[in-house]
Amino acid sequence: MSAPLQPRDAVRRMTPYSPPTGGRADKLRLDFNENTVGCSPAVAEFLRTRVTDGLLSVYPEYND
């Protein structure tokens, strides 16, 4: 069995990423892998017409 791969020294010396915690509402937050274009209009319409306040406040039922 061979030894596990080790990261290069340059990788080991890297400091952890500390994302900003505020003031980002109007920015593209690509570092959080967020969608930059929003959801599909079909998804938005589905949510508007089928998801009620009551459905948002409970866990879904599982009918297996």
N, C-alpha and C. Protein backbone atom coordinates (compact mmCIF):
# COMPACT_ATOMS: atom_id res chain seq x y z
N MET A 1 0.85 -1.18 0.00
CA MET A 1 0.00 0.00 0.00
C MET A 1 0.89 1.24 0.00
N SER A 2 0.60 2.19 -0.85
CA SER A 2 1.42 3.39 -0.93
C SER A 2 0.94 4.45 0.06
N ALA A 3 1.84 5.38 0.34
CA ALA A 3 1.51 6.47 1.28
C ALA A 3 0.48 7.40 0.63
N PRO A 4 -0.41 8.01 1.44
CA PRO A 4 -1.40 8.93 0.87
C PRO A 4 -0.71 10.16 0.27
N LEU A 5 -1.35 10.74 -0.73
CA LEU A 5 -0.81 11.95 -1.35
C LEU A 5 -0.77 13.09 -0.34
N GLN A 6 0.25 13.89 -0.42
CA GLN A 6 0.40 15.04 0.47
C GLN A 6 0.30 16.31 -0.37
N PRO A 7 -0.33 17.36 0.18
CA PRO A 7 -0.42 18.61 -0.58
C PRO A 7 0.95 19.28 -0.69
N ARG A 8 1.11 20.08 -1.73
CA ARG A 8 2.35 20.84 -1.90
C ARG A 8 2.49 21.83 -0.75
N ASP A 9 3.73 22.27 -0.50
CA ASP A 9 3.98 23.24 0.56
C ASP A 9 3.18 24.52 0.36
N ALA A 10 3.05 24.97 -0.88
CA ALA A 10 2.30 26.20 -1.15
C ALA A 10 0.84 26.05 -0.70
N VAL A 11 0.29 24.88 -0.87
CA VAL A 11 -1.09 24.63 -0.44
C VAL A 11 -1.17 24.57 1.07
N ARG A 12 -0.21 23.94 1.69
CA ARG A 12 -0.20 23.86 3.16
C ARG A 12 -0.07 25.22 3.82
N ARG A 13 0.63 26.14 3.16
CA ARG A 13 0.84 27.48 3.74
C ARG A 13 -0.35 28.42 3.53
N MET A 14 -1.31 28.02 2.74
CA MET A 14 -2.46 28.89 2.47
C MET A 14 -3.27 29.13 3.74
N THR A 15 -3.79 30.34 3.88
CA THR A 15 -4.66 30.63 5.01
C THR A 15 -6.10 30.31 4.61
N PRO A 16 -6.92 29.88 5.55
CA PRO A 16 -8.32 29.56 5.23
C PRO A 16 -9.06 30.80 4.74
N TYR A 17 -10.01 30.59 3.85
CA TYR A 17 -10.84 31.68 3.33
C TYR A 17 -11.84 32.10 4.39
N SER A 18 -11.92 33.39 4.64
CA SER A 18 -12.90 33.95 5.57
C SER A 18 -13.80 34.90 4.79
N PRO A 19 -14.99 34.45 4.42
CA PRO A 19 -15.86 35.31 3.61
C PRO A 19 -16.39 36.49 4.41
N PRO A 20 -16.67 37.60 3.75
CA PRO A 20 -17.30 38.72 4.44
C PRO A 20 -18.67 38.30 4.96
N THR A 21 -19.08 38.87 6.06
CA THR A 21 -20.34 38.45 6.67
C THR A 21 -21.49 39.42 6.40
N GLY A 22 -21.24 40.57 5.83
CA GLY A 22 -22.33 41.51 5.59
C GLY A 22 -22.02 42.44 4.44
N GLY A 23 -23.02 43.24 4.08
CA GLY A 23 -22.86 44.22 3.03
C GLY A 23 -22.73 43.63 1.64
N ARG A 24 -23.33 42.47 1.43
CA ARG A 24 -23.17 41.78 0.16
C ARG A 24 -24.48 41.58 -0.59
N ALA A 25 -25.56 42.17 -0.13
CA ALA A 25 -26.88 41.91 -0.72
C ALA A 25 -26.95 42.30 -2.19
N ASP A 26 -26.26 43.35 -2.59
CA ASP A 26 -26.35 43.80 -3.98
C ASP A 26 -25.16 43.35 -4.83
N LYS A 27 -24.40 42.38 -4.32
CA LYS A 27 -23.21 41.89 -5.02
C LYS A 27 -23.44 40.48 -5.55
N LEU A 28 -22.68 40.08 -6.56
CA LEU A 28 -22.68 38.69 -7.01
C LEU A 28 -21.81 37.90 -6.05
N ARG A 29 -22.40 36.94 -5.38
CA ARG A 29 -21.67 36.19 -4.35
C ARG A 29 -21.19 34.86 -4.92
N LEU A 30 -20.29 34.92 -5.87
CA LEU A 30 -19.81 33.72 -6.53
C LEU A 30 -19.02 32.82 -5.58
N ASP A 31 -18.44 33.41 -4.53
CA ASP A 31 -17.67 32.60 -3.59
C ASP A 31 -18.56 31.68 -2.76
N PHE A 32 -19.84 31.91 -2.73
CA PHE A 32 -20.78 31.02 -2.04
C PHE A 32 -21.51 30.12 -3.01
N ASN A 33 -21.08 30.13 -4.28
CA ASN A 33 -21.68 29.29 -5.32
C ASN A 33 -23.18 29.55 -5.45
N GLU A 34 -23.57 30.80 -5.38
CA GLU A 34 -24.98 31.17 -5.48
C GLU A 34 -25.38 31.40 -6.92
N ASN A 35 -26.62 31.12 -7.21
CA ASN A 35 -27.18 31.35 -8.53
C ASN A 35 -27.24 32.85 -8.78
N THR A 36 -26.71 33.30 -9.91
CA THR A 36 -26.68 34.74 -10.20
C THR A 36 -27.82 35.21 -11.08
N VAL A 37 -28.65 34.28 -11.58
CA VAL A 37 -29.72 34.67 -12.50
C VAL A 37 -31.12 34.42 -11.93
N GLY A 38 -31.22 33.87 -10.75
CA GLY A 38 -32.53 33.60 -10.17
C GLY A 38 -33.12 32.30 -10.68
N CYS A 39 -34.28 31.97 -10.17
CA CYS A 39 -34.90 30.70 -10.57
C CYS A 39 -35.67 30.88 -11.87
N SER A 40 -36.02 29.77 -12.45
CA SER A 40 -36.79 29.74 -13.69
C SER A 40 -38.16 30.40 -13.45
N PRO A 41 -38.69 31.13 -14.42
CA PRO A 41 -40.03 31.68 -14.28
C PRO A 41 -41.07 30.59 -14.01
N ALA A 42 -40.88 29.40 -14.55
CA ALA A 42 -41.82 28.30 -14.31
C ALA A 42 -41.79 27.88 -12.84
N VAL A 43 -40.61 27.87 -12.23
CA VAL A 43 -40.50 27.53 -10.81
C VAL A 43 -41.16 28.61 -9.97
N ALA A 44 -40.91 29.87 -10.28
CA ALA A 44 -41.52 30.97 -9.54
C ALA A 44 -43.04 30.89 -9.62
N GLU A 45 -43.58 30.60 -10.79
CA GLU A 45 -45.03 30.49 -10.96
C GLU A 45 -45.57 29.31 -10.16
N PHE A 46 -44.89 28.18 -10.20
CA PHE A 46 -45.31 27.01 -9.43
C PHE A 46 -45.38 27.35 -7.95
N LEU A 47 -44.34 27.99 -7.43
CA LEU A 47 -44.32 28.34 -6.02
C LEU A 47 -45.43 29.32 -5.68
N ARG A 48 -45.67 30.31 -6.55
CA ARG A 48 -46.72 31.30 -6.31
C ARG A 48 -48.10 30.66 -6.24
N THR A 49 -48.35 29.66 -7.09
CA THR A 49 -49.69 29.10 -7.19
C THR A 49 -49.93 27.87 -6.31
N ARG A 50 -48.89 27.20 -5.88
CA ARG A 50 -49.10 25.93 -5.16
C ARG A 50 -48.59 25.89 -3.73
N VAL A 51 -47.71 26.79 -3.37
CA VAL A 51 -47.16 26.75 -2.02
C VAL A 51 -47.89 27.79 -1.18
N THR A 52 -48.53 27.32 -0.12
CA THR A 52 -49.30 28.21 0.75
C THR A 52 -48.55 28.48 2.04
N ASP A 53 -49.02 29.45 2.81
CA ASP A 53 -48.40 29.73 4.10
C ASP A 53 -48.40 28.49 4.98
N GLY A 54 -49.48 27.72 4.92
CA GLY A 54 -49.57 26.50 5.72
C GLY A 54 -48.51 25.48 5.35
N LEU A 55 -48.20 25.38 4.07
CA LEU A 55 -47.17 24.43 3.64
C LEU A 55 -45.77 24.87 4.04
N LEU A 56 -45.57 26.16 4.19
CA LEU A 56 -44.25 26.65 4.56
C LEU A 56 -43.94 26.45 6.03
N SER A 57 -44.94 26.18 6.85
CA SER A 57 -44.71 26.10 8.29
C SER A 57 -44.68 24.67 8.83
N VAL A 58 -44.71 23.67 7.95
CA VAL A 58 -44.68 22.28 8.42
C VAL A 58 -43.71 21.46 7.56
N TYR A 59 -43.30 20.32 8.11
CA TYR A 59 -42.50 19.39 7.33
C TYR A 59 -43.40 18.69 6.32
N PRO A 60 -42.86 18.29 5.18
CA PRO A 60 -43.70 17.59 4.20
C PRO A 60 -44.11 16.22 4.69
N GLU A 61 -45.23 15.73 4.18
CA GLU A 61 -45.66 14.37 4.50
C GLU A 61 -44.97 13.40 3.55
N TYR A 62 -44.65 12.23 4.07
CA TYR A 62 -44.01 11.20 3.26
C TYR A 62 -44.96 10.03 3.15
N ASN A 63 -45.46 9.79 1.98
CA ASN A 63 -46.43 8.71 1.76
C ASN A 63 -45.79 7.59 0.95
N ASP A 64 -44.86 6.91 1.53
CA ASP A 64 -44.20 5.81 0.81
C ASP A 64 -44.95 4.52 0.99
